[in-house]
Amino acid sequence: MGLIAAIFILTLGCFAYIFWPERNPFVQADKTRVDYLRERKEAIYENLRDLNFEYQAGKYPEADYNQQRTALEDEAAKVIAEMEALVARGMKSTRARA
């Protein structure tokens, strides 16, 4: 009987831990500008990979591919330059690098 009670209490504790609502569900972790730029850089790189794959699959003509690739590379360069400038001024990321 004691074993069943212990299992019940453990199960109840697990459900409470998993489903207990936070005090304010609308609170988000604060992001710095560096965090935002890092996410943007990752999205741009993903877009470049997709663009290369679709070009190699024959979905884009070469002129369109070159134009889009150049635009994405320019945007990535701007994002990286801004990140480096912010880091040089001492702004840190609130997240650990993956």
PDB file of N, CA and C in Angstrom:
ATOM      1  N   MET A   1       0.827  -1.191   0.000  1.00  0.00           N
ATOM      2  CA  MET A   1       0.000   0.000   0.000  1.00  0.00           C
ATOM      3  C   MET A   1       0.881   1.269   0.000  1.00  0.00           C
ATOM      4  N   GLY A   2       1.960   1.220   0.753  1.00  0.00           N
ATOM      5  CA  GLY A   2       2.861   2.356   0.829  1.00  0.00           C
ATOM      6  C   GLY A   2       3.549   2.621  -0.502  1.00  0.00           C
ATOM      7  N   LEU A   3       3.828   1.533  -1.248  1.00  0.00           N
ATOM      8  CA  LEU A   3       4.448   1.670  -2.552  1.00  0.00           C
ATOM      9  C   LEU A   3       3.510   2.374  -3.530  1.00  0.00           C
ATOM     10  N   ILE A   4       2.246   2.028  -3.497  1.00  0.00           N
ATOM     11  CA  ILE A   4       1.240   2.662  -4.371  1.00  0.00           C
ATOM     12  C   ILE A   4       1.110   4.139  -4.025  1.00  0.00           C
ATOM     13  N   ALA A   5       1.124   4.475  -2.743  1.00  0.00           N
ATOM     14  CA  ALA A   5       1.034   5.879  -2.331  1.00  0.00           C
ATOM     15  C   ALA A   5       2.259   6.655  -2.800  1.00  0.00           C
ATOM     16  N   ALA A   6       3.450   6.048  -2.692  1.00  0.00           N
ATOM     17  CA  ALA A   6       4.671   6.713  -3.133  1.00  0.00           C
ATOM     18  C   ALA A   6       4.653   6.943  -4.638  1.00  0.00           C
ATOM     19  N   ILE A   7       4.198   5.954  -5.403  1.00  0.00           N
ATOM     20  CA  ILE A   7       4.094   6.106  -6.855  1.00  0.00           C
ATOM     21  C   ILE A   7       3.101   7.200  -7.210  1.00  0.00           C
ATOM     22  N   PHE A   8       1.964   7.238  -6.493  1.00  0.00           N
ATOM     23  CA  PHE A   8       0.954   8.266  -6.749  1.00  0.00           C
ATOM     24  C   PHE A   8       1.508   9.658  -6.472  1.00  0.00           C
ATOM     25  N   ILE A   9       2.198   9.811  -5.357  1.00  0.00           N
ATOM     26  CA  ILE A   9       2.766  11.123  -5.001  1.00  0.00           C
ATOM     27  C   ILE A   9       3.837  11.533  -6.009  1.00  0.00           C
ATOM     28  N   LEU A  10       4.678  10.595  -6.420  1.00  0.00           N
ATOM     29  CA  LEU A  10       5.709  10.892  -7.413  1.00  0.00           C
ATOM     30  C   LEU A  10       5.075  11.302  -8.748  1.00  0.00           C
ATOM     31  N   THR A  11       4.040  10.581  -9.180  1.00  0.00           N
ATOM     32  CA  THR A  11       3.347  10.915 -10.427  1.00  0.00           C
ATOM     33  C   THR A  11       2.686  12.282 -10.329  1.00  0.00           C
ATOM     34  N   LEU A  12       2.040  12.552  -9.218  1.00  0.00           N
ATOM     35  CA  LEU A  12       1.400  13.855  -9.017  1.00  0.00           C
ATOM     36  C   LEU A  12       2.440  14.975  -9.039  1.00  0.00           C
ATOM     37  N   GLY A  13       3.589  14.737  -8.403  1.00  0.00           N
ATOM     38  CA  GLY A  13       4.668  15.729  -8.418  1.00  0.00           C
ATOM     39  C   GLY A  13       5.199  15.981  -9.823  1.00  0.00           C
ATOM     40  N   CYS A  14       5.324  14.921 -10.619  1.00  0.00           N
ATOM     41  CA  CYS A  14       5.792  15.082 -11.995  1.00  0.00           C
ATOM     42  C   CYS A  14       4.806  15.899 -12.817  1.00  0.00           C
ATOM     43  N   PHE A  15       3.520  15.601 -12.689  1.00  0.00           N
ATOM     44  CA  PHE A  15       2.516  16.377 -13.429  1.00  0.00           C
ATOM     45  C   PHE A  15       2.503  17.834 -12.976  1.00  0.00           C
ATOM     46  N   ALA A  16       2.627  18.078 -11.686  1.00  0.00           N
ATOM     47  CA  ALA A  16       2.651  19.458 -11.189  1.00  0.00           C
ATOM     48  C   ALA A  16       3.865  20.197 -11.733  1.00  0.00           C
ATOM     49  N   TYR A  17       5.017  19.541 -11.765  1.00  0.00           N
ATOM     50  CA  TYR A  17       6.232  20.177 -12.275  1.00  0.00           C
ATOM     51  C   TYR A  17       6.114  20.505 -13.755  1.00  0.00           C
ATOM     52  N   ILE A  18       5.540  19.587 -14.521  1.00  0.00           N
ATOM     53  CA  ILE A  18       5.448  19.771 -15.972  1.00  0.00           C
ATOM     54  C   ILE A  18       4.405  20.819 -16.342  1.00  0.00           C
ATOM     55  N   PHE A  19       3.253  20.751 -15.710  1.00  0.00           N
ATOM     56  CA  PHE A  19       2.124  21.582 -16.146  1.00  0.00           C
ATOM     57  C   PHE A  19       1.846  22.794 -15.270  1.00  0.00           C
ATOM     58  N   TRP A  20       2.665  23.062 -14.263  1.00  0.00           N
ATOM     59  CA  TRP A  20       2.427  24.215 -13.383  1.00  0.00           C
ATOM     60  C   TRP A  20       2.626  25.506 -14.180  1.00  0.00           C
ATOM     61  N   PRO A  21       1.628  26.377 -14.187  1.00  0.00           N
ATOM     62  CA  PRO A  21       1.773  27.613 -14.983  1.00  0.00           C
ATOM     63  C   PRO A  21       2.776  28.570 -14.347  1.00  0.00           C
ATOM     64  N   GLU A  22       3.464  29.289 -15.201  1.00  0.00           N
ATOM     65  CA  GLU A  22       4.380  30.312 -14.704  1.00  0.00           C
ATOM     66  C   GLU A  22       3.550  31.481 -14.183  1.00  0.00           C
ATOM     67  N   ARG A  23       4.169  32.327 -13.410  1.00  0.00           N
ATOM     68  CA  ARG A  23       3.437  33.474 -12.873  1.00  0.00           C
ATOM     69  C   ARG A  23       2.958  34.397 -13.987  1.00  0.00           C
ATOM     70  N   ASN A  24       3.805  34.613 -14.972  1.00  0.00           N
ATOM     71  CA  ASN A  24       3.429  35.454 -16.097  1.00  0.00           C
ATOM     72  C   ASN A  24       3.846  34.737 -17.380  1.00  0.00           C
ATOM     73  N   PRO A  25       2.899  34.134 -18.071  1.00  0.00           N
ATOM     74  CA  PRO A  25       3.273  33.369 -19.270  1.00  0.00           C
ATOM     75  C   PRO A  25       3.724  34.236 -20.440  1.00  0.00           C
ATOM     76  N   PHE A  26       3.546  35.546 -20.339  1.00  0.00           N
ATOM     77  CA  PHE A  26       3.905  36.438 -21.435  1.00  0.00           C
ATOM     78  C   PHE A  26       5.310  36.997 -21.299  1.00  0.00           C
ATOM     79  N   VAL A  27       6.011  36.623 -20.247  1.00  0.00           N
ATOM     80  CA  VAL A  27       7.371  37.099 -20.039  1.00  0.00           C
ATOM     81  C   VAL A  27       8.307  36.305 -20.945  1.00  0.00           C
ATOM     82  N   GLN A  28       9.136  37.015 -21.671  1.00  0.00           N
ATOM     83  CA  GLN A  28      10.124  36.387 -22.531  1.00  0.00           C
ATOM     84  C   GLN A  28      11.509  36.761 -22.028  1.00  0.00           C
ATOM     85  N   ALA A  29      12.453  35.926 -22.364  1.00  0.00           N
ATOM     86  CA  ALA A  29      13.830  36.237 -21.990  1.00  0.00           C
ATOM     87  C   ALA A  29      14.283  37.478 -22.739  1.00  0.00           C
ATOM     88  N   ASP A  30      14.972  38.353 -22.042  1.00  0.00           N
ATOM     89  CA  ASP A  30      15.486  39.563 -22.670  1.00  0.00           C
ATOM     90  C   ASP A  30      16.591  39.192 -23.639  1.00  0.00           C
ATOM     91  N   LYS A  31      16.509  39.755 -24.831  1.00  0.00           N
ATOM     92  CA  LYS A  31      17.540  39.529 -25.845  1.00  0.00           C
ATOM     93  C   LYS A  31      18.285  40.828 -26.078  1.00  0.00           C
ATOM     94  N   THR A  32      19.570  40.677 -26.271  1.00  0.00           N
ATOM     95  CA  THR A  32      20.354  41.839 -26.634  1.00  0.00           C
ATOM     96  C   THR A  32      20.347  41.971 -28.156  1.00  0.00           C
ATOM     97  N   ARG A  33      20.860  43.054 -28.629  1.00  0.00           N
ATOM     98  CA  ARG A  33      20.970  43.262 -30.070  1.00  0.00           C
ATOM     99  C   ARG A  33      21.884  42.198 -30.696  1.00  0.00           C
ATOM    100  N   VAL A  34      22.912  41.792 -29.959  1.00  0.00           N
ATOM    101  CA  VAL A  34      23.824  40.764 -30.457  1.00  0.00           C
ATOM    102  C   VAL A  34      23.074  39.444 -30.648  1.00  0.00           C
ATOM    103  N   ASP A  35      22.181  39.112 -29.713  1.00  0.00           N
ATOM    104  CA  ASP A  35      21.385  37.882 -29.849  1.00  0.00           C
ATOM    105  C   ASP A  35      20.513  37.945 -31.098  1.00  0.00           C
ATOM    106  N   TYR A  36      19.862  39.088 -31.284  1.00  0.00           N
ATOM    107  CA  TYR A  36      19.017  39.248 -32.465  1.00  0.00           C
ATOM    108  C   TYR A  36      19.845  39.107 -33.745  1.00  0.00           C
ATOM    109  N   LEU A  37      21.016  39.732 -33.774  1.00  0.00           N
ATOM    110  CA  LEU A  37      21.864  39.673 -34.964  1.00  0.00           C
ATOM    111  C   LEU A  37      22.383  38.260 -35.213  1.00  0.00           C
ATOM    112  N   ARG A  38      22.683  37.532 -34.147  1.00  0.00           N
ATOM    113  CA  ARG A  38      23.143  36.148 -34.311  1.00  0.00           C
ATOM    114  C   ARG A  38      22.025  35.293 -34.933  1.00  0.00           C
ATOM    115  N   GLU A  39      20.806  35.482 -34.465  1.00  0.00           N
ATOM    116  CA  GLU A  39      19.676  34.752 -35.051  1.00  0.00           C
ATOM    117  C   GLU A  39      19.476  35.133 -36.515  1.00  0.00           C
ATOM    118  N   ARG A  40      19.621  36.414 -36.811  1.00  0.00           N
ATOM    119  CA  ARG A  40      19.466  36.882 -38.197  1.00  0.00           C
ATOM    120  C   ARG A  40      20.547  36.288 -39.090  1.00  0.00           C
ATOM    121  N   LYS A  41      21.780  36.249 -38.589  1.00  0.00           N
ATOM    122  CA  LYS A  41      22.887  35.674 -39.357  1.00  0.00           C
ATOM    123  C   LYS A  41      22.619  34.199 -39.661  1.00  0.00           C
ATOM    124  N   GLU A  42      22.138  33.456 -38.675  1.00  0.00           N
ATOM    125  CA  GLU A  42      21.828  32.051 -38.887  1.00  0.00           C
ATOM    126  C   GLU A  42      20.727  31.881 -39.938  1.00  0.00           C
ATOM    127  N   ALA A  43      19.729  32.751 -39.919  1.00  0.00           N
ATOM    128  CA  ALA A  43      18.651  32.682 -40.909  1.00  0.00           C
ATOM    129  C   ALA A  43      19.179  32.986 -42.311  1.00  0.00           C
ATOM    130  N   ILE A  44      20.065  33.966 -42.414  1.00  0.00           N
ATOM    131  CA  ILE A  44      20.644  34.310 -43.722  1.00  0.00           C
ATOM    132  C   ILE A  44      21.462  33.149 -44.262  1.00  0.00           C
ATOM    133  N   TYR A  45      22.274  32.526 -43.397  1.00  0.00           N
ATOM    134  CA  TYR A  45      23.070  31.377 -43.831  1.00  0.00           C
ATOM    135  C   TYR A  45      22.172  30.229 -44.284  1.00  0.00           C
ATOM    136  N   GLU A  46      21.090  30.011 -43.572  1.00  0.00           N
ATOM    137  CA  GLU A  46      20.150  28.967 -43.978  1.00  0.00           C
ATOM    138  C   GLU A  46      19.535  29.291 -45.338  1.00  0.00           C
ATOM    139  N   ASN A  47      19.203  30.556 -45.552  1.00  0.00           N
ATOM    140  CA  ASN A  47      18.659  30.970 -46.852  1.00  0.00           C
ATOM    141  C   ASN A  47      19.683  30.769 -47.973  1.00  0.00           C
ATOM    142  N   LEU A  48      20.948  31.040 -47.673  1.00  0.00           N
ATOM    143  CA  LEU A  48      22.003  30.806 -48.671  1.00  0.00           C
ATOM    144  C   LEU A  48      22.135  29.319 -49.018  1.00  0.00           C
ATOM    145  N   ARG A  49      22.067  28.473 -47.995  1.00  0.00           N
ATOM    146  CA  ARG A  49      22.134  27.031 -48.251  1.00  0.00           C
ATOM    147  C   ARG A  49      20.952  26.582 -49.108  1.00  0.00           C
ATOM    148  N   ASP A  50      19.751  27.073 -48.777  1.00  0.00           N
ATOM    149  CA  ASP A  50      18.558  26.718 -49.562  1.00  0.00           C
ATOM    150  C   ASP A  50      18.678  27.218 -50.995  1.00  0.00           C
ATOM    151  N   LEU A  51      19.171  28.438 -51.155  1.00  0.00           N
ATOM    152  CA  LEU A  51      19.329  29.012 -52.489  1.00  0.00           C
ATOM    153  C   LEU A  51      20.308  28.184 -53.319  1.00  0.00           C
ATOM    154  N   ASN A  52      21.433  27.804 -52.729  1.00  0.00           N
ATOM    155  CA  ASN A  52      22.412  26.974 -53.440  1.00  0.00           C
ATOM    156  C   ASN A  52      21.811  25.632 -53.839  1.00  0.00           C
ATOM    157  N   PHE A  53      21.073  25.020 -52.919  1.00  0.00           N
ATOM    158  CA  PHE A  53      20.460  23.729 -53.216  1.00  0.00           C
ATOM    159  C   PHE A  53      19.451  23.848 -54.365  1.00  0.00           C
ATOM    160  N   GLU A  54      18.606  24.866 -54.312  1.00  0.00           N
ATOM    161  CA  GLU A  54      17.597  25.041 -55.349  1.00  0.00           C
ATOM    162  C   GLU A  54      18.219  25.402 -56.694  1.00  0.00           C
ATOM    163  N   TYR A  55      19.319  26.150 -56.675  1.00  0.00           N
ATOM    164  CA  TYR A  55      20.014  26.463 -57.926  1.00  0.00           C
ATOM    165  C   TYR A  55      20.601  25.191 -58.535  1.00  0.00           C
ATOM    166  N   GLN A  56      21.214  24.373 -57.694  1.00  0.00           N
ATOM    167  CA  GLN A  56      21.794  23.125 -58.194  1.00  0.00           C
ATOM    168  C   GLN A  56      20.712  22.161 -58.676  1.00  0.00           C
ATOM    169  N   ALA A  57      19.506  22.290 -58.137  1.00  0.00           N
ATOM    170  CA  ALA A  57      18.397  21.445 -58.587  1.00  0.00           C
ATOM    171  C   ALA A  57      17.768  21.987 -59.872  1.00  0.00           C
ATOM    172  N   GLY A  58      18.223  23.152 -60.334  1.00  0.00           N
ATOM    173  CA  GLY A  58      17.738  23.716 -61.583  1.00  0.00           C
ATOM    174  C   GLY A  58      16.494  24.564 -61.453  1.00  0.00           C
ATOM    175  N   LYS A  59      16.201  25.037 -60.257  1.00  0.00           N
ATOM    176  CA  LYS A  59      14.982  25.831 -60.051  1.00  0.00           C
ATOM    177  C   LYS A  59      15.183  27.321 -60.319  1.00  0.00           C
ATOM    178  N   TYR A  60      16.439  27.768 -60.381  1.00  0.00           N
ATOM    179  CA  TYR A  60      16.720  29.188 -60.603  1.00  0.00           C
ATOM    180  C   TYR A  60      17.622  29.353 -61.819  1.00  0.00           C
ATOM    181  N   PRO A  61      17.354  30.371 -62.634  1.00  0.00           N
ATOM    182  CA  PRO A  61      18.315  30.711 -63.684  1.00  0.00           C
ATOM    183  C   PRO A  61      19.549  31.359 -63.037  1.00  0.00           C
ATOM    184  N   GLU A  62      20.660  31.301 -63.732  1.00  0.00           N
ATOM    185  CA  GLU A  62      21.923  31.765 -63.148  1.00  0.00           C
ATOM    186  C   GLU A  62      21.881  33.242 -62.767  1.00  0.00           C
ATOM    187  N   ALA A  63      21.231  34.075 -63.589  1.00  0.00           N
ATOM    188  CA  ALA A  63      21.181  35.515 -63.289  1.00  0.00           C
ATOM    189  C   ALA A  63      20.426  35.770 -61.981  1.00  0.00           C
ATOM    190  N   ASP A  64      19.294  35.106 -61.787  1.00  0.00           N
ATOM    191  CA  ASP A  64      18.529  35.278 -60.549  1.00  0.00           C
ATOM    192  C   ASP A  64      19.302  34.743 -59.346  1.00  0.00           C
ATOM    193  N   TYR A  65      19.949  33.607 -59.529  1.00  0.00           N
ATOM    194  CA  TYR A  65      20.741  33.011 -58.459  1.00  0.00           C
ATOM    195  C   TYR A  65      21.852  33.969 -58.024  1.00  0.00           C
ATOM    196  N   ASN A  66      22.583  34.513 -58.986  1.00  0.00           N
ATOM    197  CA  ASN A  66      23.679  35.433 -58.658  1.00  0.00           C
ATOM    198  C   ASN A  66      23.175  36.682 -57.956  1.00  0.00           C
ATOM    199  N   GLN A  67      22.053  37.205 -58.411  1.00  0.00           N
ATOM    200  CA  GLN A  67      21.485  38.412 -57.800  1.00  0.00           C
ATOM    201  C   GLN A  67      21.056  38.132 -56.350  1.00  0.00           C
ATOM    202  N   GLN A  68      20.361  37.043 -56.130  1.00  0.00           N
ATOM    203  CA  GLN A  68      19.898  36.719 -54.778  1.00  0.00           C
ATOM    204  C   GLN A  68      21.062  36.363 -53.859  1.00  0.00           C
ATOM    205  N   ARG A  69      22.042  35.621 -54.386  1.00  0.00           N
ATOM    206  CA  ARG A  69      23.205  35.262 -53.583  1.00  0.00           C
ATOM    207  C   ARG A  69      23.961  36.508 -53.147  1.00  0.00           C
ATOM    208  N   THR A  70      24.138  37.443 -54.080  1.00  0.00           N
ATOM    209  CA  THR A  70      24.847  38.686 -53.762  1.00  0.00           C
ATOM    210  C   THR A  70      24.096  39.478 -52.693  1.00  0.00           C
ATOM    211  N   ALA A  71      22.770  39.548 -52.815  1.00  0.00           N
ATOM    212  CA  ALA A  71      21.971  40.282 -51.828  1.00  0.00           C
ATOM    213  C   ALA A  71      22.088  39.637 -50.449  1.00  0.00           C
ATOM    214  N   LEU A  72      22.024  38.317 -50.381  1.00  0.00           N
ATOM    215  CA  LEU A  72      22.141  37.632 -49.096  1.00  0.00           C
ATOM    216  C   LEU A  72      23.533  37.777 -48.506  1.00  0.00           C
ATOM    217  N   GLU A  73      24.555  37.699 -49.340  1.00  0.00           N
ATOM    218  CA  GLU A  73      25.921  37.860 -48.847  1.00  0.00           C
ATOM    219  C   GLU A  73      26.160  39.274 -48.331  1.00  0.00           C
ATOM    220  N   ASP A  74      25.605  40.273 -49.026  1.00  0.00           N
ATOM    221  CA  ASP A  74      25.736  41.666 -48.562  1.00  0.00           C
ATOM    222  C   ASP A  74      25.043  41.849 -47.216  1.00  0.00           C
ATOM    223  N   GLU A  75      23.847  41.275 -47.083  1.00  0.00           N
ATOM    224  CA  GLU A  75      23.119  41.384 -45.819  1.00  0.00           C
ATOM    225  C   GLU A  75      23.877  40.684 -44.694  1.00  0.00           C
ATOM    226  N   ALA A  76      24.446  39.518 -44.982  1.00  0.00           N
ATOM    227  CA  ALA A  76      25.233  38.800 -43.971  1.00  0.00           C
ATOM    228  C   ALA A  76      26.446  39.622 -43.554  1.00  0.00           C
ATOM    229  N   ALA A  77      27.101  40.262 -44.500  1.00  0.00           N
ATOM    230  CA  ALA A  77      28.271  41.088 -44.182  1.00  0.00           C
ATOM    231  C   ALA A  77      27.884  42.255 -43.272  1.00  0.00           C
ATOM    232  N   LYS A  78      26.746  42.882 -43.541  1.00  0.00           N
ATOM    233  CA  LYS A  78      26.288  43.992 -42.689  1.00  0.00           C
ATOM    234  C   LYS A  78      25.979  43.509 -41.275  1.00  0.00           C
ATOM    235  N   VAL A  79      25.320  42.372 -41.173  1.00  0.00           N
ATOM    236  CA  VAL A  79      24.969  41.826 -39.861  1.00  0.00           C
ATOM    237  C   VAL A  79      26.229  41.478 -39.073  1.00  0.00           C
ATOM    238  N   ILE A  80      27.177  40.820 -39.722  1.00  0.00           N
ATOM    239  CA  ILE A  80      28.415  40.441 -39.039  1.00  0.00           C
ATOM    240  C   ILE A  80      29.206  41.674 -38.622  1.00  0.00           C
ATOM    241  N   ALA A  81      29.245  42.689 -39.474  1.00  0.00           N
ATOM    242  CA  ALA A  81      29.963  43.923 -39.126  1.00  0.00           C
ATOM    243  C   ALA A  81      29.332  44.598 -37.913  1.00  0.00           C
ATOM    244  N   GLU A  82      28.007  44.621 -37.869  1.00  0.00           N
ATOM    245  CA  GLU A  82      27.336  45.234 -36.713  1.00  0.00           C
ATOM    246  C   GLU A  82      27.584  44.416 -35.446  1.00  0.00           C
ATOM    247  N   MET A  83      27.555  43.085 -35.575  1.00  0.00           N
ATOM    248  CA  MET A  83      27.834  42.235 -34.410  1.00  0.00           C
ATOM    249  C   MET A  83      29.235  42.496 -33.878  1.00  0.00           C
ATOM    250  N   GLU A  84      30.211  42.553 -34.775  1.00  0.00           N
ATOM    251  CA  GLU A  84      31.592  42.782 -34.349  1.00  0.00           C
ATOM    252  C   GLU A  84      31.753  44.149 -33.691  1.00  0.00           C
ATOM    253  N   ALA A  85      31.054  45.158 -34.219  1.00  0.00           N
ATOM    254  CA  ALA A  85      31.139  46.494 -33.632  1.00  0.00           C
ATOM    255  C   ALA A  85      30.537  46.498 -32.224  1.00  0.00           C
ATOM    256  N   LEU A  86      29.431  45.817 -32.044  1.00  0.00           N
ATOM    257  CA  LEU A  86      28.797  45.772 -30.724  1.00  0.00           C
ATOM    258  C   LEU A  86      29.661  44.998 -29.730  1.00  0.00           C
ATOM    259  N   VAL A  87      30.236  43.893 -30.164  1.00  0.00           N
ATOM    260  CA  VAL A  87      31.093  43.106 -29.280  1.00  0.00           C
ATOM    261  C   VAL A  87      32.342  43.913 -28.923  1.00  0.00           C
ATOM    262  N   ALA A  88      32.880  44.660 -29.876  1.00  0.00           N
ATOM    263  CA  ALA A  88      34.058  45.491 -29.605  1.00  0.00           C
ATOM    264  C   ALA A  88      33.749  46.579 -28.577  1.00  0.00           C
ATOM    265  N   ARG A  89      32.494  47.044 -28.561  1.00  0.00           N
ATOM    266  CA  ARG A  89      32.098  48.059 -27.576  1.00  0.00           C
ATOM    267  C   ARG A  89      31.733  47.445 -26.238  1.00  0.00           C
ATOM    268  N   GLY A  90      31.752  46.107 -26.161  1.00  0.00           N
ATOM    269  CA  GLY A  90      31.522  45.455 -24.877  1.00  0.00           C
ATOM    270  C   GLY A  90      30.142  44.863 -24.702  1.00  0.00           C
ATOM    271  N   MET A  91      29.282  44.911 -25.709  1.00  0.00           N
ATOM    272  CA  MET A  91      27.954  44.322 -25.570  1.00  0.00           C
ATOM    273  C   MET A  91      28.084  42.819 -25.691  1.00  0.00           C
ATOM    274  N   LYS A  92      27.497  42.123 -24.775  1.00  0.00           N
ATOM    275  CA  LYS A  92      27.597  40.659 -24.742  1.00  0.00           C
ATOM    276  C   LYS A  92      26.247  40.050 -25.082  1.00  0.00           C
ATOM    277  N   SER A  93      26.295  38.805 -25.440  1.00  0.00           N
ATOM    278  CA  SER A  93      25.097  38.022 -25.695  1.00  0.00           C
ATOM    279  C   SER A  93      24.569  37.501 -24.369  1.00  0.00           C
ATOM    280  N   THR A  94      23.249  37.377 -24.252  1.00  0.00           N
ATOM    281  CA  THR A  94      22.662  36.817 -23.032  1.00  0.00           C
ATOM    282  C   THR A  94      22.589  35.306 -23.127  1.00  0.00           C
ATOM    283  N   ARG A  95      22.829  34.749 -24.300  1.00  0.00           N
ATOM    284  CA  ARG A  95      22.784  33.306 -24.490  1.00  0.00           C
ATOM    285  C   ARG A  95      24.186  32.768 -24.717  1.00  0.00           C
ATOM    286  N   ALA A  96      24.376  31.530 -24.370  1.00  0.00           N
ATOM    287  CA  ALA A  96      25.650  30.873 -24.643  1.00  0.00           C
ATOM    288  C   ALA A  96      25.695  30.519 -26.122  1.00  0.00           C
ATOM    289  N   ARG A  97      26.877  30.574 -26.696  1.00  0.00           N
ATOM    290  CA  ARG A  97      27.006  30.231 -28.110  1.00  0.00           C
ATOM    291  C   ARG A  97      26.826  28.737 -28.282  1.00  0.00           C
ATOM    292  N   ALA A  98      26.117  28.395 -29.357  1.00  0.00           N
ATOM    293  CA  ALA A  98      25.883  26.975 -29.638  1.00  0.00           C
ATOM    294  C   ALA A  98      26.951  26.417 -30.518  1.00  0.00           C
TER     295      ALA A  98
END
